[in-house]
N, C-alpha and C. Protein backbone atom coordinates (compact mmCIF):
# COMPACT_ATOMS: atom_id res chain seq x y z
N MET A 1 -45.68 -61.35 3.69
CA MET A 1 -44.61 -62.01 2.96
C MET A 1 -43.66 -60.95 2.41
N SER A 2 -42.39 -61.25 2.41
CA SER A 2 -41.38 -60.33 1.90
C SER A 2 -41.28 -60.42 0.39
N ALA A 3 -40.72 -59.39 -0.20
CA ALA A 3 -40.51 -59.38 -1.65
C ALA A 3 -39.16 -60.00 -1.97
N MET A 4 -39.08 -60.66 -3.12
CA MET A 4 -37.80 -61.23 -3.52
C MET A 4 -36.89 -60.14 -4.08
N THR A 5 -35.61 -60.40 -4.02
CA THR A 5 -34.63 -59.45 -4.55
C THR A 5 -34.60 -59.58 -6.08
N PRO A 6 -34.08 -58.56 -6.76
CA PRO A 6 -33.93 -58.68 -8.22
C PRO A 6 -33.10 -59.90 -8.63
N ALA A 7 -32.07 -60.22 -7.85
CA ALA A 7 -31.24 -61.39 -8.18
C ALA A 7 -32.03 -62.69 -8.05
N GLN A 8 -32.89 -62.79 -7.04
CA GLN A 8 -33.73 -63.98 -6.88
C GLN A 8 -34.71 -64.09 -8.04
N GLU A 9 -35.34 -62.99 -8.38
CA GLU A 9 -36.30 -63.03 -9.49
C GLU A 9 -35.61 -63.42 -10.79
N GLU A 10 -34.44 -62.87 -11.04
CA GLU A 10 -33.69 -63.21 -12.26
C GLU A 10 -33.40 -64.70 -12.31
N LYS A 11 -32.94 -65.28 -11.19
CA LYS A 11 -32.62 -66.71 -11.15
C LYS A 11 -33.87 -67.56 -11.35
N LEU A 12 -34.97 -67.19 -10.68
CA LEU A 12 -36.20 -67.97 -10.81
C LEU A 12 -36.79 -67.86 -12.22
N ARG A 13 -36.71 -66.69 -12.82
CA ARG A 13 -37.16 -66.54 -14.22
C ARG A 13 -36.33 -67.43 -15.14
N PHE A 14 -35.01 -67.44 -14.93
CA PHE A 14 -34.12 -68.27 -15.73
C PHE A 14 -34.49 -69.75 -15.59
N LEU A 15 -34.70 -70.20 -14.34
CA LEU A 15 -35.04 -71.60 -14.12
C LEU A 15 -36.39 -71.96 -14.74
N CYS A 16 -37.36 -71.07 -14.62
CA CYS A 16 -38.66 -71.33 -15.23
C CYS A 16 -38.54 -71.45 -16.75
N GLU A 17 -37.75 -70.56 -17.33
CA GLU A 17 -37.55 -70.62 -18.79
C GLU A 17 -36.86 -71.93 -19.16
N ARG A 18 -35.87 -72.31 -18.38
CA ARG A 18 -35.13 -73.55 -18.65
C ARG A 18 -36.03 -74.78 -18.59
N TYR A 19 -37.00 -74.77 -17.66
CA TYR A 19 -37.92 -75.89 -17.51
C TYR A 19 -39.22 -75.69 -18.28
N ASN A 20 -39.26 -74.62 -19.08
CA ASN A 20 -40.39 -74.35 -19.97
C ASN A 20 -41.73 -74.23 -19.22
N VAL A 21 -41.68 -73.47 -18.11
CA VAL A 21 -42.88 -73.20 -17.33
C VAL A 21 -42.97 -71.69 -17.10
N GLU A 22 -44.17 -71.22 -16.80
CA GLU A 22 -44.39 -69.80 -16.57
C GLU A 22 -43.87 -69.36 -15.20
N PHE A 23 -43.24 -68.19 -15.16
CA PHE A 23 -42.79 -67.62 -13.89
C PHE A 23 -43.94 -66.85 -13.26
N ASP A 24 -44.21 -67.12 -12.00
CA ASP A 24 -45.21 -66.38 -11.22
C ASP A 24 -44.63 -66.20 -9.82
N PRO A 25 -44.35 -64.96 -9.41
CA PRO A 25 -43.75 -64.75 -8.09
C PRO A 25 -44.59 -65.31 -6.94
N ALA A 26 -45.89 -65.49 -7.16
CA ALA A 26 -46.76 -66.03 -6.11
C ALA A 26 -46.46 -67.50 -5.81
N HIS A 27 -45.69 -68.17 -6.67
CA HIS A 27 -45.35 -69.58 -6.45
C HIS A 27 -44.24 -69.76 -5.43
N TYR A 28 -43.64 -68.67 -4.98
CA TYR A 28 -42.47 -68.75 -4.12
C TYR A 28 -42.68 -68.01 -2.82
N LYS A 29 -42.25 -68.64 -1.74
CA LYS A 29 -42.30 -68.00 -0.43
C LYS A 29 -40.97 -67.31 -0.19
N VAL A 30 -41.02 -66.08 0.29
CA VAL A 30 -39.80 -65.37 0.67
C VAL A 30 -39.84 -65.17 2.17
N TYR A 31 -38.82 -65.69 2.84
CA TYR A 31 -38.76 -65.58 4.29
C TYR A 31 -38.40 -64.16 4.70
N PRO A 32 -39.10 -63.60 5.68
CA PRO A 32 -38.82 -62.23 6.12
C PRO A 32 -37.47 -62.11 6.81
N GLU A 33 -36.97 -60.91 6.88
CA GLU A 33 -35.70 -60.64 7.55
C GLU A 33 -35.74 -60.98 9.03
N THR A 34 -36.92 -61.08 9.60
CA THR A 34 -37.07 -61.42 11.01
C THR A 34 -37.08 -62.93 11.25
N SER A 35 -37.04 -63.72 10.19
CA SER A 35 -37.07 -65.17 10.30
C SER A 35 -35.79 -65.68 10.97
N SER A 36 -35.93 -66.71 11.79
CA SER A 36 -34.76 -67.29 12.44
C SER A 36 -34.00 -68.24 11.51
N MET A 37 -34.68 -68.70 10.45
CA MET A 37 -34.05 -69.60 9.48
C MET A 37 -34.29 -69.08 8.07
N MET A 38 -33.33 -69.24 7.22
CA MET A 38 -33.44 -68.90 5.79
C MET A 38 -33.85 -67.44 5.57
N ARG A 39 -33.36 -66.57 6.39
CA ARG A 39 -33.67 -65.14 6.32
C ARG A 39 -33.44 -64.60 4.90
N GLY A 40 -34.51 -64.09 4.27
CA GLY A 40 -34.42 -63.48 2.95
C GLY A 40 -34.43 -64.45 1.78
N TRP A 41 -34.48 -65.74 2.03
CA TRP A 41 -34.48 -66.72 0.95
C TRP A 41 -35.85 -66.83 0.31
N ALA A 42 -35.87 -67.15 -0.98
CA ALA A 42 -37.10 -67.47 -1.71
C ALA A 42 -37.06 -68.96 -2.00
N GLU A 43 -38.21 -69.64 -1.84
CA GLU A 43 -38.23 -71.07 -2.14
C GLU A 43 -39.59 -71.47 -2.68
N GLY A 44 -39.59 -72.55 -3.46
CA GLY A 44 -40.83 -73.08 -4.00
C GLY A 44 -40.56 -74.00 -5.18
N TRP A 45 -41.65 -74.55 -5.74
CA TRP A 45 -41.58 -75.44 -6.89
C TRP A 45 -41.48 -74.60 -8.16
N ILE A 46 -40.55 -74.94 -9.03
CA ILE A 46 -40.42 -74.25 -10.31
C ILE A 46 -41.72 -74.45 -11.08
N GLY A 47 -42.33 -73.35 -11.48
CA GLY A 47 -43.61 -73.41 -12.18
C GLY A 47 -44.80 -73.59 -11.27
N GLY A 48 -44.57 -73.74 -9.96
CA GLY A 48 -45.66 -73.84 -9.01
C GLY A 48 -46.28 -75.22 -8.88
N SER A 49 -45.75 -76.20 -9.60
CA SER A 49 -46.34 -77.54 -9.56
C SER A 49 -45.44 -78.51 -8.82
N GLU A 50 -45.97 -79.09 -7.77
CA GLU A 50 -45.22 -80.09 -7.02
C GLU A 50 -44.78 -81.20 -7.95
N GLY A 51 -43.55 -81.63 -7.78
CA GLY A 51 -43.03 -82.70 -8.61
C GLY A 51 -42.07 -82.22 -9.68
N THR A 52 -41.97 -80.90 -9.86
CA THR A 52 -40.98 -80.38 -10.81
C THR A 52 -39.65 -80.31 -10.08
N LEU A 53 -39.17 -79.13 -9.79
CA LEU A 53 -37.91 -78.93 -9.08
C LEU A 53 -38.17 -77.96 -7.95
N TYR A 54 -37.89 -78.39 -6.71
CA TYR A 54 -38.04 -77.51 -5.56
C TYR A 54 -36.71 -76.81 -5.36
N VAL A 55 -36.75 -75.50 -5.29
CA VAL A 55 -35.51 -74.73 -5.24
C VAL A 55 -35.58 -73.66 -4.16
N GLY A 56 -34.43 -73.39 -3.57
CA GLY A 56 -34.25 -72.26 -2.67
C GLY A 56 -33.25 -71.32 -3.31
N VAL A 57 -33.51 -70.02 -3.24
CA VAL A 57 -32.61 -69.05 -3.83
C VAL A 57 -32.26 -68.02 -2.77
N ASP A 58 -30.96 -67.86 -2.51
CA ASP A 58 -30.55 -66.89 -1.50
C ASP A 58 -30.71 -65.46 -2.04
N PRO A 59 -30.63 -64.47 -1.18
CA PRO A 59 -30.84 -63.09 -1.63
C PRO A 59 -29.89 -62.61 -2.72
N GLU A 60 -28.74 -63.29 -2.88
CA GLU A 60 -27.77 -62.91 -3.92
C GLU A 60 -28.05 -63.63 -5.23
N GLY A 61 -29.05 -64.52 -5.27
CA GLY A 61 -29.43 -65.19 -6.51
C GLY A 61 -28.79 -66.55 -6.73
N ARG A 62 -28.15 -67.11 -5.71
CA ARG A 62 -27.58 -68.46 -5.83
C ARG A 62 -28.67 -69.48 -5.51
N SER A 63 -28.85 -70.43 -6.39
CA SER A 63 -29.93 -71.41 -6.19
C SER A 63 -29.38 -72.73 -5.65
N HIS A 64 -30.25 -73.41 -4.91
CA HIS A 64 -29.95 -74.70 -4.31
C HIS A 64 -31.21 -75.56 -4.42
N SER A 65 -31.03 -76.81 -4.83
CA SER A 65 -32.21 -77.68 -4.92
C SER A 65 -31.98 -78.95 -4.14
């Protein structure tokens, strides 16, 4: 698995704080640069629990849900 960028981590930390859940990088999948789709994106459930907010964050830190 690839590592998230600082911008992705900052956005995900912000969203976790906003939804009052703990940030854990293990809750998010980061697509490798060799991926044919969503190259470099991080995605997952905010706080790691299905049913909260599923979000994708591009390498520049822009989030989409």
